[in-house]
Amino acid sequence: MCIKEAKYIDKSTLETTTFPQALMNYKETDSNVLWDPINIDASVYENDFTDNNVEVYYYEEPDYKEIL
């Protein structure tokens, strides 16, 4: 389990950072998550986490050689 601090914005929004993709490995296999969805939950009191299973993804920005 990975835990990050988050800033409460409102009842539908938290603001936080992510770990670098290169450091995100599956515990069981030690293989990288790559572009797989990652389920996240939130805790507002100690370790009492929600069970919302919100999916987040890493994505890759395109590299542009030239913009016309």
PDB file of N, CA and C in Angstrom:
ATOM      1  N   MET A   1       0.845  -1.169   0.000  1.00  0.00           N
ATOM      2  CA  MET A   1       0.000   0.000   0.000  1.00  0.00           C
ATOM      3  C   MET A   1       0.894   1.237   0.000  1.00  0.00           C
ATOM      4  N   CYS A   2       0.546   2.194  -0.830  1.00  0.00           N
ATOM      5  CA  CYS A   2       1.257   3.472  -0.889  1.00  0.00           C
ATOM      6  C   CYS A   2       0.354   4.542  -0.291  1.00  0.00           C
ATOM      7  N   ILE A   3       0.926   5.409   0.517  1.00  0.00           N
ATOM      8  CA  ILE A   3       0.132   6.452   1.150  1.00  0.00           C
ATOM      9  C   ILE A   3       0.743   7.816   0.845  1.00  0.00           C
ATOM     10  N   LYS A   4      -0.110   8.762   0.454  1.00  0.00           N
ATOM     11  CA  LYS A   4       0.295  10.139   0.167  1.00  0.00           C
ATOM     12  C   LYS A   4      -0.619  11.097   0.912  1.00  0.00           C
ATOM     13  N   GLU A   5      -0.072  12.199   1.377  1.00  0.00           N
ATOM     14  CA  GLU A   5      -0.871  13.262   1.974  1.00  0.00           C
ATOM     15  C   GLU A   5      -1.682  13.939   0.868  1.00  0.00           C
ATOM     16  N   ALA A   6      -2.873  14.430   1.209  1.00  0.00           N
ATOM     17  CA  ALA A   6      -3.712  15.126   0.239  1.00  0.00           C
ATOM     18  C   ALA A   6      -4.332  16.351   0.899  1.00  0.00           C
ATOM     19  N   LYS A   7      -4.634  17.341   0.082  1.00  0.00           N
ATOM     20  CA  LYS A   7      -5.304  18.547   0.550  1.00  0.00           C
ATOM     21  C   LYS A   7      -6.786  18.435   0.211  1.00  0.00           C
ATOM     22  N   TYR A   8      -7.632  18.579   1.198  1.00  0.00           N
ATOM     23  CA  TYR A   8      -9.076  18.554   0.995  1.00  0.00           C
ATOM     24  C   TYR A   8      -9.510  19.861   0.337  1.00  0.00           C
ATOM     25  N   ILE A   9     -10.159  19.767  -0.815  1.00  0.00           N
ATOM     26  CA  ILE A   9     -10.667  20.944  -1.528  1.00  0.00           C
ATOM     27  C   ILE A   9     -12.168  21.089  -1.260  1.00  0.00           C
ATOM     28  N   ASP A  10     -12.913  20.052  -1.557  1.00  0.00           N
ATOM     29  CA  ASP A  10     -14.346  20.002  -1.259  1.00  0.00           C
ATOM     30  C   ASP A  10     -14.766  18.537  -1.216  1.00  0.00           C
ATOM     31  N   LYS A  11     -16.067  18.263  -1.036  1.00  0.00           N
ATOM     32  CA  LYS A  11     -16.507  16.880  -0.851  1.00  0.00           C
ATOM     33  C   LYS A  11     -16.232  15.971  -2.046  1.00  0.00           C
ATOM     34  N   SER A  12     -15.936  16.533  -3.202  1.00  0.00           N
ATOM     35  CA  SER A  12     -15.654  15.736  -4.397  1.00  0.00           C
ATOM     36  C   SER A  12     -14.216  15.842  -4.866  1.00  0.00           C
ATOM     37  N   THR A  13     -13.374  16.639  -4.170  1.00  0.00           N
ATOM     38  CA  THR A  13     -12.037  16.917  -4.696  1.00  0.00           C
ATOM     39  C   THR A  13     -10.969  16.861  -3.617  1.00  0.00           C
ATOM     40  N   LEU A  14      -9.914  16.117  -3.905  1.00  0.00           N
ATOM     41  CA  LEU A  14      -8.689  16.120  -3.118  1.00  0.00           C
ATOM     42  C   LEU A  14      -7.555  16.504  -4.049  1.00  0.00           C
ATOM     43  N   GLU A  15      -6.561  17.204  -3.536  1.00  0.00           N
ATOM     44  CA  GLU A  15      -5.392  17.573  -4.339  1.00  0.00           C
ATOM     45  C   GLU A  15      -4.177  16.877  -3.743  1.00  0.00           C
ATOM     46  N   THR A  16      -3.447  16.164  -4.585  1.00  0.00           N
ATOM     47  CA  THR A  16      -2.279  15.429  -4.112  1.00  0.00           C
ATOM     48  C   THR A  16      -1.290  15.231  -5.248  1.00  0.00           C
ATOM     49  N   THR A  17      -0.149  14.668  -4.934  1.00  0.00           N
ATOM     50  CA  THR A  17       0.841  14.310  -5.948  1.00  0.00           C
ATOM     51  C   THR A  17       0.874  12.792  -6.076  1.00  0.00           C
ATOM     52  N   THR A  18       1.579  12.324  -7.074  1.00  0.00           N
ATOM     53  CA  THR A  18       1.724  10.884  -7.252  1.00  0.00           C
ATOM     54  C   THR A  18       3.184  10.495  -7.109  1.00  0.00           C
ATOM     55  N   PHE A  19       3.413   9.214  -6.960  1.00  0.00           N
ATOM     56  CA  PHE A  19       4.768   8.688  -6.994  1.00  0.00           C
ATOM     57  C   PHE A  19       5.204   8.599  -8.452  1.00  0.00           C
ATOM     58  N   PRO A  20       6.499   8.705  -8.741  1.00  0.00           N
ATOM     59  CA  PRO A  20       6.952   8.512 -10.122  1.00  0.00           C
ATOM     60  C   PRO A  20       6.553   7.117 -10.621  1.00  0.00           C
ATOM     61  N   GLN A  21       6.131   7.041 -11.863  1.00  0.00           N
ATOM     62  CA  GLN A  21       5.691   5.763 -12.432  1.00  0.00           C
ATOM     63  C   GLN A  21       6.767   4.691 -12.295  1.00  0.00           C
ATOM     64  N   ALA A  22       8.013   5.050 -12.453  1.00  0.00           N
ATOM     65  CA  ALA A  22       9.103   4.072 -12.386  1.00  0.00           C
ATOM     66  C   ALA A  22       9.190   3.389 -11.016  1.00  0.00           C
ATOM     67  N   LEU A  23       8.621   4.000  -9.984  1.00  0.00           N
ATOM     68  CA  LEU A  23       8.660   3.421  -8.639  1.00  0.00           C
ATOM     69  C   LEU A  23       7.411   2.620  -8.288  1.00  0.00           C
ATOM     70  N   MET A  24       6.428   2.610  -9.174  1.00  0.00           N
ATOM     71  CA  MET A  24       5.156   1.933  -8.888  1.00  0.00           C
ATOM     72  C   MET A  24       5.164   0.502  -9.410  1.00  0.00           C
ATOM     73  N   ASN A  25       5.418  -0.429  -8.509  1.00  0.00           N
ATOM     74  CA  ASN A  25       5.457  -1.847  -8.860  1.00  0.00           C
ATOM     75  C   ASN A  25       4.387  -2.617  -8.109  1.00  0.00           C
ATOM     76  N   TYR A  26       3.914  -3.704  -8.729  1.00  0.00           N
ATOM     77  CA  TYR A  26       2.997  -4.601  -8.049  1.00  0.00           C
ATOM     78  C   TYR A  26       3.751  -5.336  -6.952  1.00  0.00           C
ATOM     79  N   LYS A  27       3.149  -5.427  -5.785  1.00  0.00           N
ATOM     80  CA  LYS A  27       3.777  -6.084  -4.642  1.00  0.00           C
ATOM     81  C   LYS A  27       4.020  -7.573  -4.924  1.00  0.00           C
ATOM     82  N   GLU A  28       3.053  -8.228  -5.557  1.00  0.00           N
ATOM     83  CA  GLU A  28       3.124  -9.679  -5.780  1.00  0.00           C
ATOM     84  C   GLU A  28       4.201 -10.081  -6.779  1.00  0.00           C
ATOM     85  N   THR A  29       4.402  -9.269  -7.820  1.00  0.00           N
ATOM     86  CA  THR A  29       5.306  -9.668  -8.906  1.00  0.00           C
ATOM     87  C   THR A  29       6.520  -8.760  -9.050  1.00  0.00           C
ATOM     88  N   ASP A  30       6.498  -7.610  -8.402  1.00  0.00           N
ATOM     89  CA  ASP A  30       7.544  -6.593  -8.516  1.00  0.00           C
ATOM     90  C   ASP A  30       7.672  -6.031  -9.930  1.00  0.00           C
ATOM     91  N   SER A  31       6.670  -6.287 -10.793  1.00  0.00           N
ATOM     92  CA  SER A  31       6.683  -5.697 -12.133  1.00  0.00           C
ATOM     93  C   SER A  31       6.012  -4.326 -12.080  1.00  0.00           C
ATOM     94  N   ASN A  32       6.398  -3.448 -12.981  1.00  0.00           N
ATOM     95  CA  ASN A  32       5.907  -2.079 -13.001  1.00  0.00           C
ATOM     96  C   ASN A  32       4.442  -2.031 -13.443  1.00  0.00           C
ATOM     97  N   VAL A  33       3.688  -1.071 -12.924  1.00  0.00           N
ATOM     98  CA  VAL A  33       2.268  -0.936 -13.283  1.00  0.00           C
ATOM     99  C   VAL A  33       2.081  -0.429 -14.710  1.00  0.00           C
ATOM    100  N   LEU A  34       3.114   0.208 -15.269  1.00  0.00           N
ATOM    101  CA  LEU A  34       3.051   0.753 -16.627  1.00  0.00           C
ATOM    102  C   LEU A  34       1.822   1.627 -16.793  1.00  0.00           C
ATOM    103  N   TRP A  35       0.903   1.222 -17.680  1.00  0.00           N
ATOM    104  CA  TRP A  35      -0.280   2.035 -17.993  1.00  0.00           C
ATOM    105  C   TRP A  35      -1.552   1.427 -17.409  1.00  0.00           C
ATOM    106  N   ASP A  36      -1.405   0.445 -16.524  1.00  0.00           N
ATOM    107  CA  ASP A  36      -2.568  -0.192 -15.893  1.00  0.00           C
ATOM    108  C   ASP A  36      -3.284   0.788 -14.967  1.00  0.00           C
ATOM    109  N   PRO A  37      -4.602   0.634 -14.823  1.00  0.00           N
ATOM    110  CA  PRO A  37      -5.313   1.487 -13.862  1.00  0.00           C
ATOM    111  C   PRO A  37      -4.887   1.156 -12.432  1.00  0.00           C
ATOM    112  N   ILE A  38      -4.840   2.166 -11.586  1.00  0.00           N
ATOM    113  CA  ILE A  38      -4.493   1.998 -10.180  1.00  0.00           C
ATOM    114  C   ILE A  38      -5.692   2.484  -9.376  1.00  0.00           C
ATOM    115  N   ASN A  39      -6.204   1.641  -8.497  1.00  0.00           N
ATOM    116  CA  ASN A  39      -7.345   2.028  -7.663  1.00  0.00           C
ATOM    117  C   ASN A  39      -6.858   2.781  -6.438  1.00  0.00           C
ATOM    118  N   ILE A  40      -7.495   3.914  -6.175  1.00  0.00           N
ATOM    119  CA  ILE A  40      -7.130   4.699  -4.994  1.00  0.00           C
ATOM    120  C   ILE A  40      -8.350   4.906  -4.103  1.00  0.00           C
ATOM    121  N   ASP A  41      -8.092   5.055  -2.836  1.00  0.00           N
ATOM    122  CA  ASP A  41      -9.108   5.360  -1.841  1.00  0.00           C
ATOM    123  C   ASP A  41      -8.557   6.457  -0.950  1.00  0.00           C
ATOM    124  N   ALA A  42      -9.418   7.082  -0.190  1.00  0.00           N
ATOM    125  CA  ALA A  42      -9.007   8.196   0.670  1.00  0.00           C
ATOM    126  C   ALA A  42      -9.319   7.889   2.125  1.00  0.00           C
ATOM    127  N   SER A  43      -8.533   8.479   2.994  1.00  0.00           N
ATOM    128  CA  SER A  43      -8.766   8.372   4.428  1.00  0.00           C
ATOM    129  C   SER A  43      -8.766   9.781   5.007  1.00  0.00           C
ATOM    130  N   VAL A  44      -9.799  10.105   5.744  1.00  0.00           N
ATOM    131  CA  VAL A  44      -9.840  11.414   6.392  1.00  0.00           C
ATOM    132  C   VAL A  44      -9.573  11.299   7.889  1.00  0.00           C
ATOM    133  N   TYR A  45      -9.548  10.079   8.398  1.00  0.00           N
ATOM    134  CA  TYR A  45      -9.298   9.858   9.813  1.00  0.00           C
ATOM    135  C   TYR A  45      -8.451   8.607   9.994  1.00  0.00           C
ATOM    136  N   GLU A  46      -7.222   8.772  10.400  1.00  0.00           N
ATOM    137  CA  GLU A  46      -6.271   7.681  10.623  1.00  0.00           C
ATOM    138  C   GLU A  46      -6.255   6.736   9.431  1.00  0.00           C
ATOM    139  N   ASN A  47      -6.486   5.448   9.629  1.00  0.00           N
ATOM    140  CA  ASN A  47      -6.449   4.473   8.527  1.00  0.00           C
ATOM    141  C   ASN A  47      -7.838   3.973   8.164  1.00  0.00           C
ATOM    142  N   ASP A  48      -8.837   4.808   8.315  1.00  0.00           N
ATOM    143  CA  ASP A  48     -10.210   4.461   7.961  1.00  0.00           C
ATOM    144  C   ASP A  48     -10.450   4.885   6.517  1.00  0.00           C
ATOM    145  N   PHE A  49     -10.086   4.005   5.563  1.00  0.00           N
ATOM    146  CA  PHE A  49     -10.126   4.343   4.143  1.00  0.00           C
ATOM    147  C   PHE A  49     -11.503   4.119   3.546  1.00  0.00           C
ATOM    148  N   THR A  50     -11.817   4.911   2.520  1.00  0.00           N
ATOM    149  CA  THR A  50     -13.038   4.714   1.744  1.00  0.00           C
ATOM    150  C   THR A  50     -12.891   3.445   0.923  1.00  0.00           C
ATOM    151  N   ASP A  51     -13.966   3.018   0.300  1.00  0.00           N
ATOM    152  CA  ASP A  51     -13.920   1.860  -0.594  1.00  0.00           C
ATOM    153  C   ASP A  51     -14.485   2.279  -1.948  1.00  0.00           C
ATOM    154  N   ASN A  52     -13.980   3.410  -2.473  1.00  0.00           N
ATOM    155  CA  ASN A  52     -14.502   3.958  -3.719  1.00  0.00           C
ATOM    156  C   ASN A  52     -13.839   3.374  -4.957  1.00  0.00           C
ATOM    157  N   ASN A  53     -12.615   2.870  -4.819  1.00  0.00           N
ATOM    158  CA  ASN A  53     -11.883   2.291  -5.956  1.00  0.00           C
ATOM    159  C   ASN A  53     -11.853   3.218  -7.169  1.00  0.00           C
ATOM    160  N   VAL A  54     -11.475   4.465  -6.960  1.00  0.00           N
ATOM    161  CA  VAL A  54     -11.327   5.416  -8.063  1.00  0.00           C
ATOM    162  C   VAL A  54     -10.103   5.010  -8.875  1.00  0.00           C
ATOM    163  N   GLU A  55     -10.263   4.870 -10.184  1.00  0.00           N
ATOM    164  CA  GLU A  55      -9.148   4.467 -11.043  1.00  0.00           C
ATOM    165  C   GLU A  55      -8.378   5.683 -11.542  1.00  0.00           C
ATOM    166  N   VAL A  56      -7.063   5.631 -11.414  1.00  0.00           N
ATOM    167  CA  VAL A  56      -6.188   6.638 -12.007  1.00  0.00           C
ATOM    168  C   VAL A  56      -5.174   5.911 -12.885  1.00  0.00           C
ATOM    169  N   TYR A  57      -4.641   6.625 -13.850  1.00  0.00           N
ATOM    170  CA  TYR A  57      -3.701   6.056 -14.811  1.00  0.00           C
ATOM    171  C   TYR A  57      -2.495   6.969 -14.958  1.00  0.00           C
ATOM    172  N   TYR A  58      -1.357   6.373 -15.224  1.00  0.00           N
ATOM    173  CA  TYR A  58      -0.230   7.156 -15.710  1.00  0.00           C
ATOM    174  C   TYR A  58      -0.416   7.267 -17.215  1.00  0.00           C
ATOM    175  N   TYR A  59       0.011   8.361 -17.782  1.00  0.00           N
ATOM    176  CA  TYR A  59      -0.070   8.509 -19.229  1.00  0.00           C
ATOM    177  C   TYR A  59       1.190   9.197 -19.711  1.00  0.00           C
ATOM    178  N   GLU A  60       1.424   9.085 -20.982  1.00  0.00           N
ATOM    179  CA  GLU A  60       2.635   9.646 -21.568  1.00  0.00           C
ATOM    180  C   GLU A  60       2.271  10.787 -22.491  1.00  0.00           C
ATOM    181  N   GLU A  61       2.909  11.914 -22.276  1.00  0.00           N
ATOM    182  CA  GLU A  61       2.711  13.056 -23.162  1.00  0.00           C
ATOM    183  C   GLU A  61       3.452  12.801 -24.470  1.00  0.00           C
ATOM    184  N   PRO A  62       2.865  13.189 -25.597  1.00  0.00           N
ATOM    185  CA  PRO A  62       3.567  13.007 -26.868  1.00  0.00           C
ATOM    186  C   PRO A  62       4.777  13.937 -26.967  1.00  0.00           C
ATOM    187  N   ASP A  63       5.792  13.482 -27.661  1.00  0.00           N
ATOM    188  CA  ASP A  63       6.953  14.306 -27.961  1.00  0.00           C
ATOM    189  C   ASP A  63       6.770  14.892 -29.357  1.00  0.00           C
ATOM    190  N   TYR A  64       6.786  16.216 -29.453  1.00  0.00           N
ATOM    191  CA  TYR A  64       6.611  16.872 -30.744  1.00  0.00           C
ATOM    192  C   TYR A  64       7.987  17.236 -31.303  1.00  0.00           C
ATOM    193  N   LYS A  65       8.204  16.868 -32.550  1.00  0.00           N
ATOM    194  CA  LYS A  65       9.443  17.240 -33.224  1.00  0.00           C
ATOM    195  C   LYS A  65       9.327  18.633 -33.820  1.00  0.00           C
ATOM    196  N   GLU A  66       8.106  18.947 -34.296  1.00  0.00           N
ATOM    197  CA  GLU A  66       7.889  20.244 -34.913  1.00  0.00           C
ATOM    198  C   GLU A  66       6.408  20.563 -34.890  1.00  0.00           C
ATOM    199  N   ILE A  67       6.075  21.759 -34.525  1.00  0.00           N
ATOM    200  CA  ILE A  67       4.680  22.188 -34.554  1.00  0.00           C
ATOM    201  C   ILE A  67       4.526  23.150 -35.713  1.00  0.00           C
ATOM    202  N   LEU A  68       3.616  22.832 -36.609  1.00  0.00           N
ATOM    203  CA  LEU A  68       3.400  23.654 -37.803  1.00  0.00           C
ATOM    204  C   LEU A  68       2.349  24.692 -37.579  1.00  0.00           C
TER     205      LEU A  68
END
